[in-house]
N, C-alpha and C. Protein backbone atom coordinates (compact mmCIF):
# COMPACT_ATOMS: atom_id res chain seq x y z
N MET A 1 26.50 -13.72 -8.83
CA MET A 1 26.78 -12.47 -8.58
C MET A 1 26.92 -11.66 -9.95
N SER A 2 26.37 -10.80 -10.16
CA SER A 2 26.84 -10.46 -11.73
C SER A 2 28.13 -9.16 -11.25
N THR A 3 28.08 -8.65 -12.85
CA THR A 3 29.22 -7.80 -12.54
C THR A 3 28.70 -6.50 -11.94
N PRO A 4 29.78 -5.38 -11.10
CA PRO A 4 29.45 -4.44 -11.41
C PRO A 4 29.40 -3.35 -11.89
N TYR A 5 28.92 -1.90 -12.04
CA TYR A 5 28.58 -1.27 -13.30
C TYR A 5 29.80 -1.08 -13.79
N PHE A 6 30.19 -0.68 -12.68
CA PHE A 6 32.01 0.15 -13.53
C PHE A 6 33.20 -0.88 -13.90
N ILE A 7 33.24 -1.71 -13.69
CA ILE A 7 33.43 -2.81 -14.36
C ILE A 7 33.06 -3.39 -15.82
N LEU A 8 31.63 -3.35 -15.47
CA LEU A 8 30.77 -4.22 -16.88
C LEU A 8 31.55 -2.73 -17.93
N VAL A 9 30.84 -1.74 -17.58
CA VAL A 9 31.21 -0.27 -18.58
C VAL A 9 32.85 -0.54 -18.88
N ARG A 10 33.45 -0.59 -18.16
CA ARG A 10 34.93 -0.22 -18.38
C ARG A 10 35.69 -1.20 -19.52
N GLU A 11 34.89 -2.34 -19.40
CA GLU A 11 35.40 -3.95 -20.60
C GLU A 11 34.29 -3.34 -21.72
N MET A 12 33.19 -2.96 -22.24
CA MET A 12 32.53 -2.79 -23.34
C MET A 12 33.17 -1.40 -23.86
N SER A 13 33.08 -2.39 -25.38
CA SER A 13 33.72 -1.76 -26.48
C SER A 13 32.44 -0.38 -26.71
N SER A 14 31.61 -0.22 -26.21
CA SER A 14 30.59 0.57 -25.98
C SER A 14 29.73 0.70 -25.32
N ALA A 15 29.35 1.09 -24.55
CA ALA A 15 28.45 0.85 -23.03
C ALA A 15 27.38 1.78 -23.13
N TYR A 16 26.78 2.59 -24.04
CA TYR A 16 25.31 3.14 -25.08
C TYR A 16 24.36 2.07 -24.47
N ASN A 17 24.35 1.09 -25.01
CA ASN A 17 23.21 0.30 -25.11
C ASN A 17 22.98 -0.18 -23.92
N HIS A 18 23.84 0.11 -22.80
CA HIS A 18 24.31 -0.40 -21.39
C HIS A 18 22.89 0.91 -20.70
N ARG A 19 23.41 1.74 -20.73
CA ARG A 19 23.17 3.22 -20.40
C ARG A 19 21.74 3.51 -20.56
N LEU A 20 21.24 2.95 -21.67
CA LEU A 20 20.04 3.07 -22.57
C LEU A 20 19.16 1.93 -21.89
N ARG A 21 19.62 1.04 -21.51
CA ARG A 21 18.73 0.28 -20.74
C ARG A 21 18.41 0.60 -19.16
N LEU A 22 19.81 1.08 -18.96
CA LEU A 22 19.72 2.04 -16.82
C LEU A 22 18.64 3.14 -17.14
N VAL A 23 18.86 3.74 -18.30
CA VAL A 23 18.16 5.34 -18.63
C VAL A 23 16.03 4.66 -18.69
N ALA A 24 16.15 3.46 -19.52
CA ALA A 24 15.19 2.88 -19.40
C ALA A 24 14.12 2.52 -18.38
N HIS A 25 15.24 1.89 -17.68
CA HIS A 25 14.60 0.96 -16.18
C HIS A 25 14.16 2.33 -15.10
N ALA A 26 15.32 3.43 -15.01
CA ALA A 26 15.25 3.80 -14.16
C ALA A 26 13.96 5.08 -14.33
N ARG A 27 13.64 5.48 -15.60
CA ARG A 27 12.36 5.96 -15.50
C ARG A 27 11.11 5.05 -15.81
N GLN A 28 11.09 4.30 -15.76
CA GLN A 28 9.93 3.00 -14.92
C GLN A 28 10.15 2.51 -13.88
N ASP A 29 10.60 2.30 -12.82
CA ASP A 29 10.75 2.24 -11.60
C ASP A 29 11.44 3.50 -10.85
N ASP A 30 12.07 3.50 -9.97
CA ASP A 30 12.72 4.12 -9.43
C ASP A 30 14.39 4.52 -9.34
N ILE A 31 14.78 4.76 -9.03
CA ILE A 31 16.11 5.37 -9.63
C ILE A 31 17.41 4.27 -8.29
N LYS A 32 16.69 4.27 -7.11
CA LYS A 32 17.35 3.30 -5.85
C LYS A 32 17.14 1.82 -6.71
N PRO A 33 16.13 1.28 -7.10
CA PRO A 33 15.91 0.58 -7.38
C PRO A 33 16.96 -0.63 -8.69
N THR A 34 17.09 1.12 -9.47
CA THR A 34 17.67 1.14 -11.16
C THR A 34 19.32 0.82 -10.40
N ALA A 35 19.75 1.73 -9.51
CA ALA A 35 20.77 1.78 -8.76
C ALA A 35 21.33 -0.10 -8.36
N ARG A 36 20.70 -0.65 -7.82
CA ARG A 36 20.72 -1.48 -7.14
C ARG A 36 20.24 -2.88 -8.07
N LEU A 37 19.92 -2.82 -9.37
CA LEU A 37 19.74 -3.63 -10.26
C LEU A 37 20.93 -3.61 -11.18
N PHE A 38 21.47 -2.77 -11.47
CA PHE A 38 22.11 -2.25 -12.28
C PHE A 38 24.25 -2.51 -11.78
N GLN A 39 24.20 -2.07 -10.41
CA GLN A 39 24.68 -2.61 -9.24
C GLN A 39 25.94 -1.22 -9.55
N THR A 40 25.37 -0.02 -9.35
CA THR A 40 26.02 1.03 -9.32
C THR A 40 25.57 1.90 -8.40
N THR A 41 25.84 3.41 -8.20
CA THR A 41 25.24 4.05 -7.42
C THR A 41 24.48 4.54 -7.40
N VAL A 42 23.48 5.20 -7.04
CA VAL A 42 22.57 6.19 -7.31
C VAL A 42 23.18 7.45 -7.78
N PRO A 43 24.36 8.48 -7.41
CA PRO A 43 25.01 9.48 -8.37
C PRO A 43 25.19 8.96 -10.02
N THR A 44 24.71 7.87 -9.92
CA THR A 44 25.86 7.16 -11.51
C THR A 44 24.18 7.09 -12.65
N VAL A 45 23.53 6.57 -11.86
CA VAL A 45 22.49 6.93 -12.21
C VAL A 45 21.03 7.56 -12.37
N ARG A 46 21.26 8.67 -11.19
CA ARG A 46 21.22 10.68 -11.55
C ARG A 46 21.79 11.00 -13.24
N LYS A 47 23.02 10.58 -12.92
CA LYS A 47 23.47 11.60 -13.79
C LYS A 47 23.14 11.20 -15.25
N TRP A 48 23.37 9.93 -15.71
CA TRP A 48 22.73 9.23 -17.02
C TRP A 48 21.21 9.50 -17.60
N LEU A 49 20.80 9.66 -15.96
CA LEU A 49 19.29 10.03 -16.63
C LEU A 49 19.27 11.59 -17.03
N ARG A 50 20.07 12.37 -16.01
CA ARG A 50 19.91 13.94 -16.20
C ARG A 50 20.49 14.04 -17.52
N ARG A 51 21.48 13.54 -18.27
CA ARG A 51 22.19 13.93 -19.34
C ARG A 51 21.07 13.67 -20.73
N TYR A 52 20.16 11.92 -20.44
CA TYR A 52 18.99 11.65 -21.23
C TYR A 52 17.82 12.83 -21.50
N GLN A 53 17.62 13.72 -20.23
CA GLN A 53 16.56 14.00 -20.54
C GLN A 53 16.67 15.52 -20.94
N GLN A 54 18.42 15.95 -20.61
CA GLN A 54 18.61 17.22 -21.77
C GLN A 54 19.17 16.97 -23.16
N HIS A 55 19.39 16.28 -23.54
CA HIS A 55 20.48 15.68 -24.79
C HIS A 55 19.56 14.58 -25.30
N ASP A 56 18.11 13.97 -25.15
CA ASP A 56 17.61 12.59 -25.15
C ASP A 56 19.06 11.26 -25.47
N PRO A 57 18.58 10.69 -26.60
CA PRO A 57 19.56 8.86 -26.17
C PRO A 57 20.72 10.03 -26.44
N ARG A 58 21.36 11.07 -27.64
CA ARG A 58 22.81 11.11 -27.52
C ARG A 58 23.55 11.77 -26.49
N GLY A 59 22.81 12.15 -25.36
CA GLY A 59 23.40 12.71 -23.88
C GLY A 59 23.91 11.05 -23.27
N LEU A 60 23.62 10.33 -23.97
CA LEU A 60 24.45 8.87 -23.63
C LEU A 60 25.67 8.62 -24.27
N ILE A 61 26.07 9.05 -25.32
CA ILE A 61 27.20 9.26 -25.51
C ILE A 61 28.69 9.38 -24.53
N GLU A 62 29.51 8.91 -24.28
CA GLU A 62 30.90 9.52 -23.80
C GLU A 62 30.66 10.43 -23.77
N LEU A 63 31.33 11.76 -22.91
CA LEU A 63 31.95 12.49 -23.35
C LEU A 63 33.71 12.61 -23.37
N SER A 64 33.81 13.75 -23.67
CA SER A 64 35.86 13.27 -23.97
C SER A 64 35.52 13.44 -22.85
N ARG A 65 37.20 13.01 -22.35
CA ARG A 65 37.81 13.68 -21.21
C ARG A 65 38.98 14.72 -21.46
N ALA A 66 39.24 14.70 -23.03
CA ALA A 66 40.33 15.91 -22.80
C ALA A 66 40.05 17.10 -22.40
N PRO A 67 41.49 17.88 -21.99
CA PRO A 67 41.32 19.15 -21.37
C PRO A 67 40.35 19.80 -22.99
N HIS A 68 39.31 21.13 -22.34
CA HIS A 68 38.90 21.85 -22.88
C HIS A 68 39.89 23.00 -23.51
N HIS A 69 41.14 23.47 -22.34
CA HIS A 69 40.91 24.82 -21.94
C HIS A 69 42.37 24.29 -22.21
N GLN A 70 43.99 24.74 -22.93
CA GLN A 70 45.44 24.49 -22.44
C GLN A 70 45.71 26.23 -22.22
N PRO A 71 46.40 26.55 -20.99
CA PRO A 71 46.77 27.96 -21.26
C PRO A 71 47.93 27.77 -21.00
N GLY A 72 48.20 26.58 -21.46
CA GLY A 72 50.46 27.10 -21.65
C GLY A 72 51.01 26.41 -22.47
N LYS A 73 49.64 26.33 -23.61
CA LYS A 73 49.50 25.76 -25.10
C LYS A 73 50.61 26.47 -25.92
N THR A 74 51.95 26.68 -26.08
CA THR A 74 52.64 27.01 -27.10
C THR A 74 51.29 27.91 -28.26
N PRO A 75 51.90 29.29 -28.76
CA PRO A 75 50.93 29.87 -29.56
C PRO A 75 51.84 29.68 -30.66
N PRO A 76 50.92 29.63 -31.93
CA PRO A 76 51.29 28.78 -33.07
C PRO A 76 52.29 30.24 -33.92
N GLU A 77 51.96 31.45 -33.53
CA GLU A 77 53.28 32.08 -34.41
C GLU A 77 54.59 31.58 -33.73
N ILE A 78 54.53 31.15 -32.33
CA ILE A 78 56.12 30.52 -32.00
C ILE A 78 55.99 29.54 -32.81
N GLU A 79 55.15 28.85 -32.76
CA GLU A 79 55.31 27.38 -33.59
C GLU A 79 55.81 27.47 -34.62
N GLN A 80 55.30 27.84 -35.27
CA GLN A 80 55.81 29.10 -37.49
C GLN A 80 57.01 29.20 -37.48
N TRP A 81 57.54 29.75 -36.16
CA TRP A 81 58.94 30.37 -36.03
C TRP A 81 60.13 29.76 -35.97
N VAL A 82 59.84 28.61 -34.57
CA VAL A 82 60.52 27.26 -34.43
C VAL A 82 60.82 26.69 -35.61
N VAL A 83 59.80 26.24 -36.36
CA VAL A 83 59.91 25.66 -37.62
C VAL A 83 60.65 26.49 -38.72
N ALA A 84 60.09 27.73 -38.68
CA ALA A 84 61.12 27.77 -39.64
C ALA A 84 62.82 28.20 -39.43
N LEU A 85 63.20 28.16 -37.96
CA LEU A 85 64.36 28.37 -37.69
C LEU A 85 65.32 26.85 -38.11
N ARG A 86 64.09 25.87 -38.04
CA ARG A 86 64.88 24.68 -37.28
C ARG A 86 65.18 23.95 -39.13
N GLN A 87 64.41 24.48 -40.17
CA GLN A 87 64.91 24.63 -41.47
C GLN A 87 65.90 24.89 -41.92
N GLN A 88 65.81 26.62 -41.35
CA GLN A 88 66.76 26.82 -42.21
C GLN A 88 68.27 27.01 -41.47
N LEU A 89 68.39 26.37 -39.97
CA LEU A 89 69.97 25.71 -39.21
C LEU A 89 69.62 24.19 -38.62
N PRO A 90 69.41 23.72 -39.66
CA PRO A 90 69.42 21.80 -39.14
C PRO A 90 69.99 21.46 -38.70
N THR A 91 71.33 21.88 -38.57
CA THR A 91 72.58 21.46 -37.58
C THR A 91 72.43 22.04 -36.39
N PHE A 92 71.10 22.42 -35.47
CA PHE A 92 71.27 23.47 -34.25
C PHE A 92 70.52 22.22 -33.92
N GLY A 93 70.62 21.92 -32.58
CA GLY A 93 69.38 21.19 -31.06
C GLY A 93 68.37 22.37 -31.11
N ALA A 94 67.88 21.38 -30.51
CA ALA A 94 66.41 22.76 -29.72
C ALA A 94 67.64 23.28 -28.81
N ARG A 95 68.26 23.23 -27.80
CA ARG A 95 69.22 23.55 -26.82
C ARG A 95 69.94 24.98 -27.02
N ARG A 96 70.78 24.33 -28.61
CA ARG A 96 71.16 25.59 -29.37
C ARG A 96 70.62 26.93 -29.61
N LEU A 97 68.98 26.23 -30.37
CA LEU A 97 68.34 27.76 -30.54
C LEU A 97 67.87 28.20 -29.53
N ILE A 98 67.67 27.29 -28.60
CA ILE A 98 67.33 28.18 -27.41
C ILE A 98 68.31 28.83 -26.52
N ARG A 99 69.08 29.07 -26.90
CA ARG A 99 70.55 29.61 -26.41
C ARG A 99 70.56 30.37 -26.97
N GLU A 100 70.78 30.70 -28.57
CA GLU A 100 71.08 31.50 -29.49
C GLU A 100 70.04 32.65 -29.93
N PHE A 101 68.78 32.16 -29.43
CA PHE A 101 67.81 32.70 -29.97
C PHE A 101 66.70 33.35 -28.91
N ASP A 102 67.16 32.71 -27.48
CA ASP A 102 66.95 33.20 -25.99
C ASP A 102 64.61 33.04 -26.52
N LEU A 103 64.58 31.45 -26.76
CA LEU A 103 63.36 31.06 -26.88
C LEU A 103 63.06 31.57 -25.69
N PRO A 104 61.46 31.39 -25.73
CA PRO A 104 61.05 30.56 -23.99
C PRO A 104 60.24 29.48 -24.11
N LEU A 105 60.99 28.69 -24.77
CA LEU A 105 60.83 27.61 -24.44
C LEU A 105 61.79 26.28 -24.01
N SER A 106 61.16 25.57 -23.83
CA SER A 106 62.46 24.25 -23.17
C SER A 106 62.42 23.46 -24.27
N HIS A 107 63.17 22.57 -24.07
CA HIS A 107 64.28 21.84 -25.44
C HIS A 107 62.61 21.07 -25.05
N ARG A 108 62.34 20.28 -24.87
CA ARG A 108 61.58 19.38 -24.66
C ARG A 108 60.26 19.86 -25.49
N ALA A 109 59.71 21.42 -25.23
CA ALA A 109 58.64 21.73 -26.47
C ALA A 109 59.17 22.35 -27.90
N LEU A 110 59.84 22.26 -27.70
CA LEU A 110 60.96 22.94 -29.03
C LEU A 110 61.14 21.40 -29.53
N GLU A 111 61.84 20.30 -29.37
CA GLU A 111 61.35 18.76 -29.84
C GLU A 111 59.59 18.64 -29.77
N ARG A 112 59.00 18.85 -29.25
CA ARG A 112 57.92 17.83 -29.45
C ARG A 112 57.08 18.91 -30.83
N ILE A 113 57.03 20.10 -30.78
CA ILE A 113 57.05 21.45 -32.09
C ILE A 113 57.43 20.52 -33.48
N TRP A 114 58.57 20.13 -32.95
CA TRP A 114 59.46 19.71 -34.72
C TRP A 114 58.84 18.16 -34.76
N ARG A 115 58.49 17.74 -34.04
CA ARG A 115 57.78 15.89 -34.17
C ARG A 115 56.69 16.40 -34.94
N ALA A 116 55.45 17.27 -34.56
CA ALA A 116 54.58 17.85 -34.76
C ALA A 116 54.31 18.00 -35.84
N HIS A 117 55.33 18.46 -36.36
CA HIS A 117 55.87 19.53 -37.37
C HIS A 117 56.20 18.81 -38.40
N GLY A 118 56.76 17.27 -38.24
CA GLY A 118 57.65 16.75 -39.03
C GLY A 118 58.44 17.17 -39.90
N SER A 119 58.88 17.67 -38.97
CA SER A 119 61.25 18.97 -39.18
C SER A 119 61.63 18.02 -39.02
N PRO A 120 62.59 17.31 -39.50
CA PRO A 120 63.88 16.33 -39.68
C PRO A 120 64.84 16.51 -38.60
N SER A 121 65.03 15.64 -37.71
CA SER A 121 65.88 15.39 -36.58
C SER A 121 67.35 15.94 -36.85
N PRO A 122 68.27 16.62 -36.48
CA PRO A 122 69.27 16.86 -36.26
C PRO A 122 70.20 16.42 -37.18
N LEU A 123 70.87 17.04 -37.82
CA LEU A 123 71.77 16.30 -38.71
C LEU A 123 73.29 16.39 -37.86
N PHE A 124 73.46 16.88 -36.90
CA PHE A 124 74.99 16.19 -35.93
C PHE A 124 74.45 16.25 -34.57
N SER A 125 74.19 14.84 -34.37
CA SER A 125 73.68 14.56 -33.08
C SER A 125 74.59 13.66 -32.04
N GLY A 126 75.68 14.46 -31.75
CA GLY A 126 76.96 13.78 -31.12
C GLY A 126 77.21 12.20 -31.39
N PHE A 127 77.78 11.40 -30.69
CA PHE A 127 78.27 10.70 -31.22
C PHE A 127 77.47 9.05 -31.67
N THR A 128 75.94 9.82 -31.43
CA THR A 128 75.80 8.84 -31.78
C THR A 128 74.88 8.43 -33.21
N THR A 129 75.75 9.30 -34.32
CA THR A 129 75.00 9.09 -35.88
C THR A 129 76.77 8.47 -35.91
N PHE A 130 77.85 8.72 -35.55
CA PHE A 130 78.95 7.62 -36.03
C PHE A 130 78.55 6.06 -35.35
N PRO A 131 79.07 5.63 -36.75
CA PRO A 131 78.83 3.80 -36.28
C PRO A 131 79.97 3.62 -34.83
N GLN A 132 79.46 2.66 -34.68
CA GLN A 132 80.50 2.16 -33.23
C GLN A 132 81.19 1.12 -34.05
N SER A 133 81.60 0.14 -35.26
CA SER A 133 82.97 -0.11 -36.06
C SER A 133 83.57 0.57 -36.21
N LEU A 134 83.44 1.49 -36.83
CA LEU A 134 84.12 2.37 -37.42
C LEU A 134 85.00 2.92 -35.90
N ARG A 135 84.44 3.33 -35.33
CA ARG A 135 84.67 3.91 -34.17
C ARG A 135 85.83 3.01 -33.61
N PHE A 136 85.45 2.11 -33.57
CA PHE A 136 86.46 0.91 -32.74
C PHE A 136 87.87 0.57 -33.84
N ILE A 137 87.65 0.56 -34.99
CA ILE A 137 88.69 0.50 -36.13
C ILE A 137 89.26 2.25 -35.74
N LEU A 138 88.90 3.23 -35.33
CA LEU A 138 90.02 4.47 -35.38
C LEU A 138 90.41 4.51 -34.05
N PHE A 139 90.12 3.80 -33.35
CA PHE A 139 90.40 3.74 -32.14
C PHE A 139 91.43 2.58 -32.09
N MET A 140 91.13 1.32 -32.36
CA MET A 140 92.66 0.36 -32.94
C MET A 140 93.81 1.05 -33.51
N SER A 141 92.97 1.68 -34.80
CA SER A 141 93.82 1.72 -35.81
C SER A 141 95.20 3.35 -34.83
N LEU A 142 94.40 3.82 -33.99
CA LEU A 142 95.47 5.00 -33.29
C LEU A 142 96.05 4.65 -31.99
N PHE A 143 95.75 3.54 -31.26
CA PHE A 143 95.77 2.18 -30.44
C PHE A 143 97.62 1.68 -30.60
N GLU A 144 97.49 1.11 -32.38
CA GLU A 144 98.61 0.63 -32.66
C GLU A 144 99.91 1.60 -32.94
N LEU A 145 99.23 3.06 -32.82
CA LEU A 145 100.31 3.35 -33.34
C LEU A 145 101.35 4.41 -32.41
N LEU A 146 100.51 4.18 -31.60
CA LEU A 146 100.85 5.10 -29.89
C LEU A 146 102.06 3.46 -29.07
N VAL A 147 101.07 2.16 -29.62
CA VAL A 147 101.43 1.58 -28.38
C VAL A 147 102.36 0.57 -29.48
N PRO A 148 103.67 -0.06 -29.28
CA PRO A 148 104.31 -0.27 -30.40
C PRO A 148 103.93 -1.80 -29.86
N ALA A 149 103.86 -2.70 -31.26
CA ALA A 149 103.08 -4.20 -31.39
C ALA A 149 104.12 -5.21 -30.15
N THR A 150 104.41 -6.09 -29.65
CA THR A 150 105.22 -6.76 -28.39
C THR A 150 104.51 -8.19 -28.45
N GLU A 151 104.90 -8.99 -28.03
CA GLU A 151 104.82 -10.57 -27.76
C GLU A 151 104.04 -10.17 -27.02
N SER A 152 103.52 -9.64 -25.85
CA SER A 152 102.75 -9.28 -24.55
C SER A 152 101.14 -8.09 -25.18
N ASN A 153 101.33 -7.86 -25.50
CA ASN A 153 100.22 -7.00 -26.45
C ASN A 153 99.73 -7.01 -27.65
N SER A 154 100.15 -8.18 -28.25
CA SER A 154 100.16 -8.36 -29.47
C SER A 154 98.47 -9.46 -29.63
N TYR A 155 97.47 -9.66 -30.48
CA TYR A 155 96.07 -9.27 -29.96
C TYR A 155 96.05 -10.10 -31.32
N GLU A 156 96.53 -11.21 -31.77
CA GLU A 156 96.16 -11.71 -32.77
C GLU A 156 96.56 -13.29 -32.06
């Protein structure tokens, strides 16, 4: 038994030639025998036949599945303003900029905009920029100052 249409098309790098054969067979014979031969459904054969009739062979190229309209997308003016704020105040994080300037965006949207525009990451991002080994050395030196060395708590 041959492979069903949807599995075959999904694994192809380009399904154009397969669809072209499907349409040629559907034009020569009928829709139902073509659907049986290519192991697909009648609506699928109709869809590719209709696209071929409307747009010629260009209609067999896969259309983009990306959304055509993004109603929630941040306007370009606000994006430019946020990028300018970031350049003026590089030490402010996303949440602080939102709080200080009452921005109508979430902190994730701000970070996404900054990544898209190539803005640098904040200079101070909490404890993550402080090296762990240096933090440990400072902690141990402070510990030695507070707790006098005795036989029981010596680390040597």
